Amino acid sequence: QESAAPFHDWNERIYYECYLPNAIARVLDSKGEIVGIINNFEGISFN
């Protein structure tokens, strides 16, 4: 799906922009440095 470039298709594009970042969300400090990784799905209601 060319409209999803640079990804192969829209499932892949949305996966890397949404589902993956929520599963391994970065916790940043005041300097923008990573201090932890959390799974957002543990803290929100979702379907």
All heavy atoms as atom14 arrays in JSON, in Angstrom:
{
  "sequence": "QESAAPFHDWNERIYYECYLPNAIARVLDSKGEIVGIINNFEGISFN",
  "atom14_mask": [
    [1, 1, 1, 1, 1, 1, 1, 1, 1, 0, 0, 0, 0, 0],
    [1, 1, 1, 1, 1, 1, 1, 1, 1, 0, 0, 0, 0, 0],
    [1, 1, 1, 1, 1, 1, 0, 0, 0, 0, 0, 0, 0, 0],
    [1, 1, 1, 1, 1, 0, 0, 0, 0, 0, 0, 0, 0, 0],
    [1, 1, 1, 1, 1, 0, 0, 0, 0, 0, 0, 0, 0, 0],
    [1, 1, 1, 1, 1, 1, 1, 0, 0, 0, 0, 0, 0, 0],
    [1, 1, 1, 1, 1, 1, 1, 1, 1, 1, 1, 0, 0, 0],
    [1, 1, 1, 1, 1, 1, 1, 1, 1, 1, 0, 0, 0, 0],
    [1, 1, 1, 1, 1, 1, 1, 1, 0, 0, 0, 0, 0, 0],
    [1, 1, 1, 1, 1, 1, 1, 1, 1, 1, 1, 1, 1, 1],
    [1, 1, 1, 1, 1, 1, 1, 1, 0, 0, 0, 0, 0, 0],
    [1, 1, 1, 1, 1, 1, 1, 1, 1, 0, 0, 0, 0, 0],
    [1, 1, 1, 1, 1, 1, 1, 1, 1, 1, 1, 0, 0, 0],
    [1, 1, 1, 1, 1, 1, 1, 1, 0, 0, 0, 0, 0, 0],
    [1, 1, 1, 1, 1, 1, 1, 1, 1, 1, 1, 1, 0, 0],
    [1, 1, 1, 1, 1, 1, 1, 1, 1, 1, 1, 1, 0, 0],
    [1, 1, 1, 1, 1, 1, 1, 1, 1, 0, 0, 0, 0, 0],
    [1, 1, 1, 1, 1, 1, 0, 0, 0, 0, 0, 0, 0, 0],
    [1, 1, 1, 1, 1, 1, 1, 1, 1, 1, 1, 1, 0, 0],
    [1, 1, 1, 1, 1, 1, 1, 1, 0, 0, 0, 0, 0, 0],
    [1, 1, 1, 1, 1, 1, 1, 0, 0, 0, 0, 0, 0, 0],
    [1, 1, 1, 1, 1, 1, 1, 1, 0, 0, 0, 0, 0, 0],
    [1, 1, 1, 1, 1, 0, 0, 0, 0, 0, 0, 0, 0, 0],
    [1, 1, 1, 1, 1, 1, 1, 1, 0, 0, 0, 0, 0, 0],
    [1, 1, 1, 1, 1, 0, 0, 0, 0, 0, 0, 0, 0, 0],
    [1, 1, 1, 1, 1, 1, 1, 1, 1, 1, 1, 0, 0, 0],
    [1, 1, 1, 1, 1, 1, 1, 0, 0, 0, 0, 0, 0, 0],
    [1, 1, 1, 1, 1, 1, 1, 1, 0, 0, 0, 0, 0, 0],
    [1, 1, 1, 1, 1, 1, 1, 1, 0, 0, 0, 0, 0, 0],
    [1, 1, 1, 1, 1, 1, 0, 0, 0, 0, 0, 0, 0, 0],
    [1, 1, 1, 1, 1, 1, 1, 1, 1, 0, 0, 0, 0, 0],
    [1, 1, 1, 1, 0, 0, 0, 0, 0, 0, 0, 0, 0, 0],
    [1, 1, 1, 1, 1, 1, 1, 1, 1, 0, 0, 0, 0, 0],
    [1, 1, 1, 1, 1, 1, 1, 1, 0, 0, 0, 0, 0, 0],
    [1, 1, 1, 1, 1, 1, 1, 0, 0, 0, 0, 0, 0, 0],
    [1, 1, 1, 1, 0, 0, 0, 0, 0, 0, 0, 0, 0, 0],
    [1, 1, 1, 1, 1, 1, 1, 1, 0, 0, 0, 0, 0, 0],
    [1, 1, 1, 1, 1, 1, 1, 1, 0, 0, 0, 0, 0, 0],
    [1, 1, 1, 1, 1, 1, 1, 1, 0, 0, 0, 0, 0, 0],
    [1, 1, 1, 1, 1, 1, 1, 1, 0, 0, 0, 0, 0, 0],
    [1, 1, 1, 1, 1, 1, 1, 1, 1, 1, 1, 0, 0, 0],
    [1, 1, 1, 1, 1, 1, 1, 1, 1, 0, 0, 0, 0, 0],
    [1, 1, 1, 1, 0, 0, 0, 0, 0, 0, 0, 0, 0, 0],
    [1, 1, 1, 1, 1, 1, 1, 1, 0, 0, 0, 0, 0, 0],
    [1, 1, 1, 1, 1, 1, 0, 0, 0, 0, 0, 0, 0, 0],
    [1, 1, 1, 1, 1, 1, 1, 1, 1, 1, 1, 0, 0, 0],
    [1, 1, 1, 1, 1, 1, 1, 1, 0, 0, 0, 0, 0, 0]
  ],
  "atom14_positions": [
    [[0.87, -1.18, 0.0], [0.0, 0.0, 0.0], [0.9, 1.23, 0.0], [1.49, 1.59, 1.02], [-0.93, -0.02, 1.23], [-1.88, -1.21, 1.22], [-2.75, -1.29, 2.46], [-2.32, -0.98, 3.57], [-3.99, -1.72, 2.28], [0.0, 0.0, 0.0], [0.0, 0.0, 0.0], [0.0, 0.0, 0.0], [0.0, 0.0, 0.0], [0.0, 0.0, 0.0]],
    [[1.02, 1.86, -1.15], [1.98, 2.95, -1.32], [1.67, 4.14, -0.41], [2.59, 4.86, 0.01], [1.99, 3.4, -2.78], [2.51, 2.33, -3.74], [2.53, 2.81, -5.18], [2.07, 3.95, -5.43], [3.01, 2.05, -6.05], [0.0, 0.0, 0.0], [0.0, 0.0, 0.0], [0.0, 0.0, 0.0], [0.0, 0.0, 0.0], [0.0, 0.0, 0.0]],
    [[0.4, 4.34, -0.08], [0.05, 5.49, 0.78], [0.55, 5.32, 2.21], [0.58, 6.27, 2.98], [-1.48, 5.68, 0.79], [-2.13, 4.53, 1.33], [0.0, 0.0, 0.0], [0.0, 0.0, 0.0], [0.0, 0.0, 0.0], [0.0, 0.0, 0.0], [0.0, 0.0, 0.0], [0.0, 0.0, 0.0], [0.0, 0.0, 0.0], [0.0, 0.0, 0.0]],
    [[0.97, 4.1, 2.57], [1.48, 3.84, 3.92], [3.0, 4.0, 4.0], [3.58, 3.76, 5.06], [1.09, 2.44, 4.37], [0.0, 0.0, 0.0], [0.0, 0.0, 0.0], [0.0, 0.0, 0.0], [0.0, 0.0, 0.0], [0.0, 0.0, 0.0], [0.0, 0.0, 0.0], [0.0, 0.0, 0.0], [0.0, 0.0, 0.0], [0.0, 0.0, 0.0]],
    [[3.64, 4.38, 2.91], [5.11, 4.53, 2.89], [5.57, 5.41, 4.05], [4.87, 6.35, 4.43], [5.54, 5.12, 1.55], [0.0, 0.0, 0.0], [0.0, 0.0, 0.0], [0.0, 0.0, 0.0], [0.0, 0.0, 0.0], [0.0, 0.0, 0.0], [0.0, 0.0, 0.0], [0.0, 0.0, 0.0], [0.0, 0.0, 0.0], [0.0, 0.0, 0.0]],
    [[6.74, 5.1, 4.62], [7.75, 4.14, 4.17], [7.49, 2.7, 4.61], [8.35, 1.84, 4.46], [9.02, 4.68, 4.84], [8.52, 5.23, 6.14], [7.19, 5.86, 5.8], [0.0, 0.0, 0.0], [0.0, 0.0, 0.0], [0.0, 0.0, 0.0], [0.0, 0.0, 0.0], [0.0, 0.0, 0.0], [0.0, 0.0, 0.0], [0.0, 0.0, 0.0]],
    [[6.3, 2.41, 5.15], [5.98, 1.05, 5.57], [5.29, 0.3, 4.44], [4.78, 0.9, 3.48], [5.09, 1.09, 6.81], [5.75, 1.74, 8.0], [5.59, 3.1, 8.23], [6.54, 1.0, 8.85], [6.2, 3.71, 9.32], [7.16, 1.6, 9.94], [6.99, 2.96, 10.17], [0.0, 0.0, 0.0], [0.0, 0.0, 0.0], [0.0, 0.0, 0.0]],
    [[5.25, -1.0, 4.55], [4.67, -1.84, 3.5], [3.17, -1.62, 3.36], [2.63, -1.57, 2.25], [4.95, -3.32, 3.81], [4.35, -4.27, 2.83], [3.08, -4.79, 2.98], [4.84, -4.79, 1.67], [2.81, -5.59, 1.97], [3.86, -5.62, 1.17], [0.0, 0.0, 0.0], [0.0, 0.0, 0.0], [0.0, 0.0, 0.0], [0.0, 0.0, 0.0]],
    [[2.48, -1.48, 4.49], [1.02, -1.33, 4.47], [0.58, -0.58, 5.7], [1.37, -0.3, 6.6], [0.34, -2.7, 4.39], [0.77, -3.64, 5.51], [0.39, -3.39, 6.67], [1.52, -4.59, 5.24], [0.0, 0.0, 0.0], [0.0, 0.0, 0.0], [0.0, 0.0, 0.0], [0.0, 0.0, 0.0], [0.0, 0.0, 0.0], [0.0, 0.0, 0.0]],
    [[-0.72, -0.26, 5.77], [-1.22, 0.56, 6.88], [-1.24, -0.19, 8.2], [-1.1, 0.41, 9.26], [-2.6, 1.12, 6.53], [-2.49, 2.36, 5.73], [-2.63, 2.5, 4.38], [-2.14, 3.66, 6.22], [-2.4, 3.8, 4.0], [-2.11, 4.54, 5.11], [-1.86, 4.18, 7.48], [-1.8, 5.89, 5.23], [-1.56, 5.52, 7.62], [-1.54, 6.37, 6.51]],
    [[-1.4, -1.5, 8.18], [-1.31, -2.24, 9.43], [0.07, -2.07, 10.05], [0.2, -1.84, 11.25], [-1.6, -3.73, 9.19], [-3.07, -4.05, 9.28], [-3.92, -3.21, 9.0], [-3.38, -5.28, 9.64], [0.0, 0.0, 0.0], [0.0, 0.0, 0.0], [0.0, 0.0, 0.0], [0.0, 0.0, 0.0], [0.0, 0.0, 0.0], [0.0, 0.0, 0.0]],
    [[1.11, -2.18, 9.22], [2.47, -2.04, 9.72], [2.75, -0.61, 10.19], [3.38, -0.39, 11.22], [3.48, -2.44, 8.64], [3.54, -3.92, 8.35], [4.1, -4.73, 9.51], [4.71, -4.15, 10.42], [3.91, -5.96, 9.51], [0.0, 0.0, 0.0], [0.0, 0.0, 0.0], [0.0, 0.0, 0.0], [0.0, 0.0, 0.0], [0.0, 0.0, 0.0]],
    [[2.26, 0.35, 9.43], [2.51, 1.74, 9.8], [1.85, 2.07, 11.15], [2.49, 2.67, 12.04], [1.98, 2.69, 8.72], [2.16, 4.16, 9.08], [1.89, 5.06, 7.91], [2.0, 6.47, 8.3], [1.98, 7.49, 7.45], [1.88, 7.26, 6.16], [2.08, 8.73, 7.9], [0.0, 0.0, 0.0], [0.0, 0.0, 0.0], [0.0, 0.0, 0.0]],
    [[0.61, 1.68, 11.31], [-0.09, 1.99, 12.56], [0.49, 1.18, 13.71], [0.55, 1.65, 14.85], [-1.6, 1.76, 12.4], [-2.17, 2.71, 11.34], [-2.33, 1.96, 13.72], [-3.59, 2.47, 10.97], [0.0, 0.0, 0.0], [0.0, 0.0, 0.0], [0.0, 0.0, 0.0], [0.0, 0.0, 0.0], [0.0, 0.0, 0.0], [0.0, 0.0, 0.0]],
    [[0.97, -0.02, 13.42], [1.61, -0.83, 14.46], [2.81, -0.08, 15.05], [2.95, 0.01, 16.28], [2.07, -2.17, 13.88], [3.0, -2.92, 14.79], [2.52, -3.59, 15.92], [4.38, -2.94, 14.54], [3.38, -4.26, 16.77], [5.24, -3.61, 15.39], [4.74, -4.28, 16.5], [5.6, -4.93, 17.35], [0.0, 0.0, 0.0], [0.0, 0.0, 0.0]],
    [[3.67, 0.46, 14.21], [4.87, 1.14, 14.68], [4.58, 2.53, 15.26], [5.4, 3.08, 15.99], [5.9, 1.24, 13.55], [6.64, -0.05, 13.32], [6.31, -0.89, 12.27], [7.66, -0.44, 14.19], [6.98, -2.09, 12.07], [8.34, -1.64, 14.0], [8.0, -2.47, 12.94], [8.65, -3.66, 12.77], [0.0, 0.0, 0.0], [0.0, 0.0, 0.0]],
    [[3.42, 3.09, 14.92], [3.06, 4.41, 15.45], [2.16, 4.32, 16.68], [2.02, 5.3, 17.41], [2.36, 5.23, 14.36], [3.25, 5.61, 13.19], [2.52, 6.41, 12.13], [1.27, 6.52, 12.21], [3.18, 6.91, 11.21], [0.0, 0.0, 0.0], [0.0, 0.0, 0.0], [0.0, 0.0, 0.0], [0.0, 0.0, 0.0], [0.0, 0.0, 0.0]],
    [[1.55, 3.16, 16.92], [0.57, 3.08, 18.0], [0.76, 1.87, 18.91], [1.08, 2.02, 20.09], [-0.84, 3.07, 17.41], [-2.16, 2.95, 18.64], [0.0, 0.0, 0.0], [0.0, 0.0, 0.0], [0.0, 0.0, 0.0], [0.0, 0.0, 0.0], [0.0, 0.0, 0.0], [0.0, 0.0, 0.0], [0.0, 0.0, 0.0], [0.0, 0.0, 0.0]],
    [[0.57, 0.67, 18.39], [0.52, -0.51, 19.26], [1.88, -0.8, 19.89], [1.95, -1.06, 21.1], [0.02, -1.73, 18.47], [-1.19, -1.42, 17.63], [-1.21, -1.66, 16.26], [-2.32, -0.83, 18.21], [-2.31, -1.35, 15.49], [-3.43, -0.52, 17.45], [-3.41, -0.77, 16.08], [-4.49, -0.44, 15.32], [0.0, 0.0, 0.0], [0.0, 0.0, 0.0]],
    [[2.95, -0.76, 19.11], [4.28, -1.0, 19.67], [4.68, 0.08, 20.67], [5.14, -0.26, 21.78], [5.31, -1.12, 18.55], [6.76, -1.35, 19.0], [6.87, -2.65, 19.79], [7.69, -1.36, 17.8], [0.0, 0.0, 0.0], [0.0, 0.0, 0.0], [0.0, 0.0, 0.0], [0.0, 0.0, 0.0], [0.0, 0.0, 0.0], [0.0, 0.0, 0.0]],
    [[4.54, 1.39, 20.35], [4.92, 2.41, 21.33], [4.14, 2.33, 22.64], [4.67, 2.7, 23.69], [4.63, 3.73, 20.59], [4.69, 3.38, 19.15], [4.16, 1.99, 19.05], [0.0, 0.0, 0.0], [0.0, 0.0, 0.0], [0.0, 0.0, 0.0], [0.0, 0.0, 0.0], [0.0, 0.0, 0.0], [0.0, 0.0, 0.0], [0.0, 0.0, 0.0]],
    [[2.9, 1.86, 22.59], [2.13, 1.71, 23.83], [2.57, 0.49, 24.63], [2.47, 0.48, 25.86], [0.64, 1.62, 23.52], [-0.01, 2.98, 23.4], [-0.04, 3.75, 24.36], [-0.52, 3.3, 22.23], [0.0, 0.0, 0.0], [0.0, 0.0, 0.0], [0.0, 0.0, 0.0], [0.0, 0.0, 0.0], [0.0, 0.0, 0.0], [0.0, 0.0, 0.0]],
    [[3.06, -0.54, 23.95], [3.51, -1.75, 24.66], [4.87, -1.53, 25.32], [5.17, -2.16, 26.34], [3.58, -2.93, 23.7], [0.0, 0.0, 0.0], [0.0, 0.0, 0.0], [0.0, 0.0, 0.0], [0.0, 0.0, 0.0], [0.0, 0.0, 0.0], [0.0, 0.0, 0.0], [0.0, 0.0, 0.0], [0.0, 0.0, 0.0], [0.0, 0.0, 0.0]],
    [[5.7, -0.64, 24.73], [7.02, -0.35, 25.3], [7.19, 1.16, 25.38], [8.06, 1.74, 24.71], [8.15, -1.01, 24.48], [8.01, -0.69, 22.98], [8.2, -2.51, 24.71], [9.21, -1.15, 22.16], [0.0, 0.0, 0.0], [0.0, 0.0, 0.0], [0.0, 0.0, 0.0], [0.0, 0.0, 0.0], [0.0, 0.0, 0.0], [0.0, 0.0, 0.0]],
    [[6.35, 1.81, 26.16], [6.37, 3.27, 26.26], [7.59, 3.74, 27.06], [7.93, 3.17, 28.09], [5.08, 3.76, 26.93], [0.0, 0.0, 0.0], [0.0, 0.0, 0.0], [0.0, 0.0, 0.0], [0.0, 0.0, 0.0], [0.0, 0.0, 0.0], [0.0, 0.0, 0.0], [0.0, 0.0, 0.0], [0.0, 0.0, 0.0], [0.0, 0.0, 0.0]],
    [[8.22, 4.78, 26.57], [9.41, 5.31, 27.23], [9.03, 6.34, 28.3], [8.21, 7.22, 28.05], [10.32, 5.97, 26.19], [10.8, 5.03, 25.11], [11.56, 5.78, 24.02], [12.05, 4.88, 22.99], [12.7, 5.28, 21.9], [12.94, 6.58, 21.72], [13.11, 4.4, 21.0], [0.0, 0.0, 0.0], [0.0, 0.0, 0.0], [0.0, 0.0, 0.0]],
    [[9.63, 6.23, 29.46], [9.47, 7.2, 30.52], [10.71, 8.09, 30.51], [11.84, 7.6, 30.65], [9.32, 6.52, 31.9], [9.14, 7.57, 32.99], [8.13, 5.56, 31.89], [0.0, 0.0, 0.0], [0.0, 0.0, 0.0], [0.0, 0.0, 0.0], [0.0, 0.0, 0.0], [0.0, 0.0, 0.0], [0.0, 0.0, 0.0], [0.0, 0.0, 0.0]],
    [[10.51, 9.39, 30.32], [11.62, 10.33, 30.19], [11.75, 11.2, 31.43], [10.75, 11.52, 32.08], [11.43, 11.22, 28.97], [11.15, 10.52, 27.62], [10.96, 11.55, 26.52], [12.28, 9.56, 27.27], [0.0, 0.0, 0.0], [0.0, 0.0, 0.0], [0.0, 0.0, 0.0], [0.0, 0.0, 0.0], [0.0, 0.0, 0.0], [0.0, 0.0, 0.0]],
    [[12.98, 11.61, 31.73], [13.18, 12.55, 32.83], [13.15, 13.98, 32.29], [12.83, 14.21, 31.12], [14.49, 12.26, 33.56], [15.73, 12.44, 32.67], [15.6, 13.02, 31.57], [16.82, 11.98, 33.07], [0.0, 0.0, 0.0], [0.0, 0.0, 0.0], [0.0, 0.0, 0.0], [0.0, 0.0, 0.0], [0.0, 0.0, 0.0], [0.0, 0.0, 0.0]],
    [[13.45, 14.94, 33.14], [13.38, 16.35, 32.75], [14.37, 16.71, 31.65], [14.2, 17.72, 30.96], [13.63, 17.24, 33.97], [14.91, 16.97, 34.53], [0.0, 0.0, 0.0], [0.0, 0.0, 0.0], [0.0, 0.0, 0.0], [0.0, 0.0, 0.0], [0.0, 0.0, 0.0], [0.0, 0.0, 0.0], [0.0, 0.0, 0.0], [0.0, 0.0, 0.0]],
    [[15.37, 15.86, 31.44], [16.36, 16.11, 30.39], [16.04, 15.36, 29.1], [16.8, 15.42, 28.14], [17.74, 15.7, 30.89], [18.22, 16.5, 32.09], [19.6, 16.02, 32.55], [20.08, 16.81, 33.76], [21.41, 16.34, 34.23], [0.0, 0.0, 0.0], [0.0, 0.0, 0.0], [0.0, 0.0, 0.0], [0.0, 0.0, 0.0], [0.0, 0.0, 0.0]],
    [[14.91, 14.65, 29.11], [14.52, 13.91, 27.92], [15.23, 12.57, 27.79], [15.18, 11.95, 26.73], [0.0, 0.0, 0.0], [0.0, 0.0, 0.0], [0.0, 0.0, 0.0], [0.0, 0.0, 0.0], [0.0, 0.0, 0.0], [0.0, 0.0, 0.0], [0.0, 0.0, 0.0], [0.0, 0.0, 0.0], [0.0, 0.0, 0.0], [0.0, 0.0, 0.0]],
    [[15.87, 12.11, 28.86], [16.56, 10.83, 28.83], [15.64, 9.72, 29.34], [14.82, 9.93, 30.23], [17.83, 10.9, 29.68], [18.85, 11.9, 29.16], [20.09, 11.96, 30.02], [20.06, 11.37, 31.14], [21.08, 12.59, 29.61], [0.0, 0.0, 0.0], [0.0, 0.0, 0.0], [0.0, 0.0, 0.0], [0.0, 0.0, 0.0], [0.0, 0.0, 0.0]],
    [[15.78, 8.55, 28.76], [14.94, 7.42, 29.13], [15.33, 6.89, 30.5], [16.48, 6.55, 30.75], [15.05, 6.29, 28.09], [14.62, 6.79, 26.7], [14.22, 5.08, 28.5], [14.83, 5.78, 25.6], [0.0, 0.0, 0.0], [0.0, 0.0, 0.0], [0.0, 0.0, 0.0], [0.0, 0.0, 0.0], [0.0, 0.0, 0.0], [0.0, 0.0, 0.0]],
    [[14.35, 6.83, 31.41], [14.6, 6.32, 32.76], [13.79, 5.04, 33.04], [13.93, 4.44, 34.1], [14.26, 7.38, 33.82], [15.2, 8.57, 33.7], [12.8, 7.84, 33.7], [0.0, 0.0, 0.0], [0.0, 0.0, 0.0], [0.0, 0.0, 0.0], [0.0, 0.0, 0.0], [0.0, 0.0, 0.0], [0.0, 0.0, 0.0], [0.0, 0.0, 0.0]],
    [[12.97, 4.65, 32.09], [12.18, 3.44, 32.28], [11.33, 3.11, 31.07], [11.12, 3.96, 30.19], [0.0, 0.0, 0.0], [0.0, 0.0, 0.0], [0.0, 0.0, 0.0], [0.0, 0.0, 0.0], [0.0, 0.0, 0.0], [0.0, 0.0, 0.0], [0.0, 0.0, 0.0], [0.0, 0.0, 0.0], [0.0, 0.0, 0.0], [0.0, 0.0, 0.0]],
    [[10.88, 1.88, 31.01], [9.97, 1.4, 29.96], [8.75, 0.81, 30.63], [8.88, -0.01, 31.55], [10.65, 0.34, 29.07], [11.91, 0.89, 28.4], [9.66, -0.16, 28.02], [11.66, 1.97, 27.38], [0.0, 0.0, 0.0], [0.0, 0.0, 0.0], [0.0, 0.0, 0.0], [0.0, 0.0, 0.0], [0.0, 0.0, 0.0], [0.0, 0.0, 0.0]],
    [[7.57, 1.23, 30.2], [6.33, 0.7, 30.78], [5.4, 0.21, 29.68], [5.52, 0.62, 28.52], [5.6, 1.75, 31.65], [5.18, 2.96, 30.8], [6.45, 2.18, 32.82], [4.29, 3.93, 31.55], [0.0, 0.0, 0.0], [0.0, 0.0, 0.0], [0.0, 0.0, 0.0], [0.0, 0.0, 0.0], [0.0, 0.0, 0.0], [0.0, 0.0, 0.0]],
    [[4.5, -0.66, 30.03], [3.47, -1.17, 29.13], [2.18, -0.41, 29.4], [1.53, -0.65, 30.42], [3.28, -2.68, 29.35], [2.34, -3.32, 28.36], [1.53, -2.64, 27.73], [2.43, -4.63, 28.21], [0.0, 0.0, 0.0], [0.0, 0.0, 0.0], [0.0, 0.0, 0.0], [0.0, 0.0, 0.0], [0.0, 0.0, 0.0], [0.0, 0.0, 0.0]],
    [[1.83, 0.51, 28.53], [0.64, 1.35, 28.76], [-0.64, 0.53, 28.85], [-1.62, 0.98, 29.46], [0.5, 2.39, 27.65], [1.42, 3.58, 27.85], [1.89, 3.83, 28.96], [1.69, 4.31, 26.78], [0.0, 0.0, 0.0], [0.0, 0.0, 0.0], [0.0, 0.0, 0.0], [0.0, 0.0, 0.0], [0.0, 0.0, 0.0], [0.0, 0.0, 0.0]],
    [[-0.67, -0.64, 28.25], [-1.87, -1.46, 28.29], [-2.19, -1.93, 29.72], [-3.31, -2.33, 29.99], [-1.73, -2.67, 27.36], [-1.69, -2.3, 25.9], [-0.48, -2.22, 25.23], [-2.85, -2.01, 25.2], [-0.43, -1.88, 23.89], [-2.81, -1.66, 23.86], [-1.6, -1.59, 23.2], [0.0, 0.0, 0.0], [0.0, 0.0, 0.0], [0.0, 0.0, 0.0]],
    [[-1.21, -1.86, 30.61], [-1.44, -2.23, 32.0], [-2.22, -1.15, 32.75], [-2.76, -1.41, 33.83], [-0.11, -2.46, 32.72], [0.67, -3.66, 32.22], [1.96, -3.84, 32.97], [2.06, -3.36, 34.12], [2.89, -4.46, 32.42], [0.0, 0.0, 0.0], [0.0, 0.0, 0.0], [0.0, 0.0, 0.0], [0.0, 0.0, 0.0], [0.0, 0.0, 0.0]],
    [[-2.26, 0.07, 32.2], [-2.86, 1.18, 32.94], [-4.06, 1.82, 32.31], [-4.6, 2.79, 32.83], [0.0, 0.0, 0.0], [0.0, 0.0, 0.0], [0.0, 0.0, 0.0], [0.0, 0.0, 0.0], [0.0, 0.0, 0.0], [0.0, 0.0, 0.0], [0.0, 0.0, 0.0], [0.0, 0.0, 0.0], [0.0, 0.0, 0.0], [0.0, 0.0, 0.0]],
    [[-4.53, 1.29, 31.16], [-5.69, 1.88, 30.49], [-6.74, 0.8, 30.21], [-6.41, -0.38, 30.1], [-5.32, 2.57, 29.17], [-4.81, 1.55, 28.13], [-4.29, 3.67, 29.39], [-4.64, 2.11, 26.74], [0.0, 0.0, 0.0], [0.0, 0.0, 0.0], [0.0, 0.0, 0.0], [0.0, 0.0, 0.0], [0.0, 0.0, 0.0], [0.0, 0.0, 0.0]],
    [[-7.97, 1.23, 30.11], [-9.02, 0.36, 29.6], [-8.84, 0.3, 28.09], [-8.53, 1.3, 27.46], [-10.4, 0.94, 29.96], [-11.42, 0.28, 29.26], [0.0, 0.0, 0.0], [0.0, 0.0, 0.0], [0.0, 0.0, 0.0], [0.0, 0.0, 0.0], [0.0, 0.0, 0.0], [0.0, 0.0, 0.0], [0.0, 0.0, 0.0], [0.0, 0.0, 0.0]],
    [[-9.03, -0.88, 27.49], [-8.83, -0.96, 26.04], [-9.6, -2.13, 25.43], [-9.91, -3.1, 26.1], [-7.34, -1.1, 25.7], [-6.71, -2.4, 26.13], [-6.68, -3.5, 25.29], [-6.12, -2.52, 27.39], [-6.1, -4.7, 25.69], [-5.53, -3.72, 27.8], [-5.52, -4.81, 26.94], [0.0, 0.0, 0.0], [0.0, 0.0, 0.0], [0.0, 0.0, 0.0]],
    [[-9.89, -1.96, 24.15], [-10.41, -3.08, 23.36], [-9.62, -3.15, 22.07], [-9.18, -2.14, 21.53], [-11.9, -2.92, 23.06], [-12.19, -1.81, 22.07], [-12.16, -0.63, 22.43], [-12.45, -2.15, 20.82], [0.0, 0.0, 0.0], [0.0, 0.0, 0.0], [0.0, 0.0, 0.0], [0.0, 0.0, 0.0], [0.0, 0.0, 0.0], [0.0, 0.0, 0.0]]
  ]
}
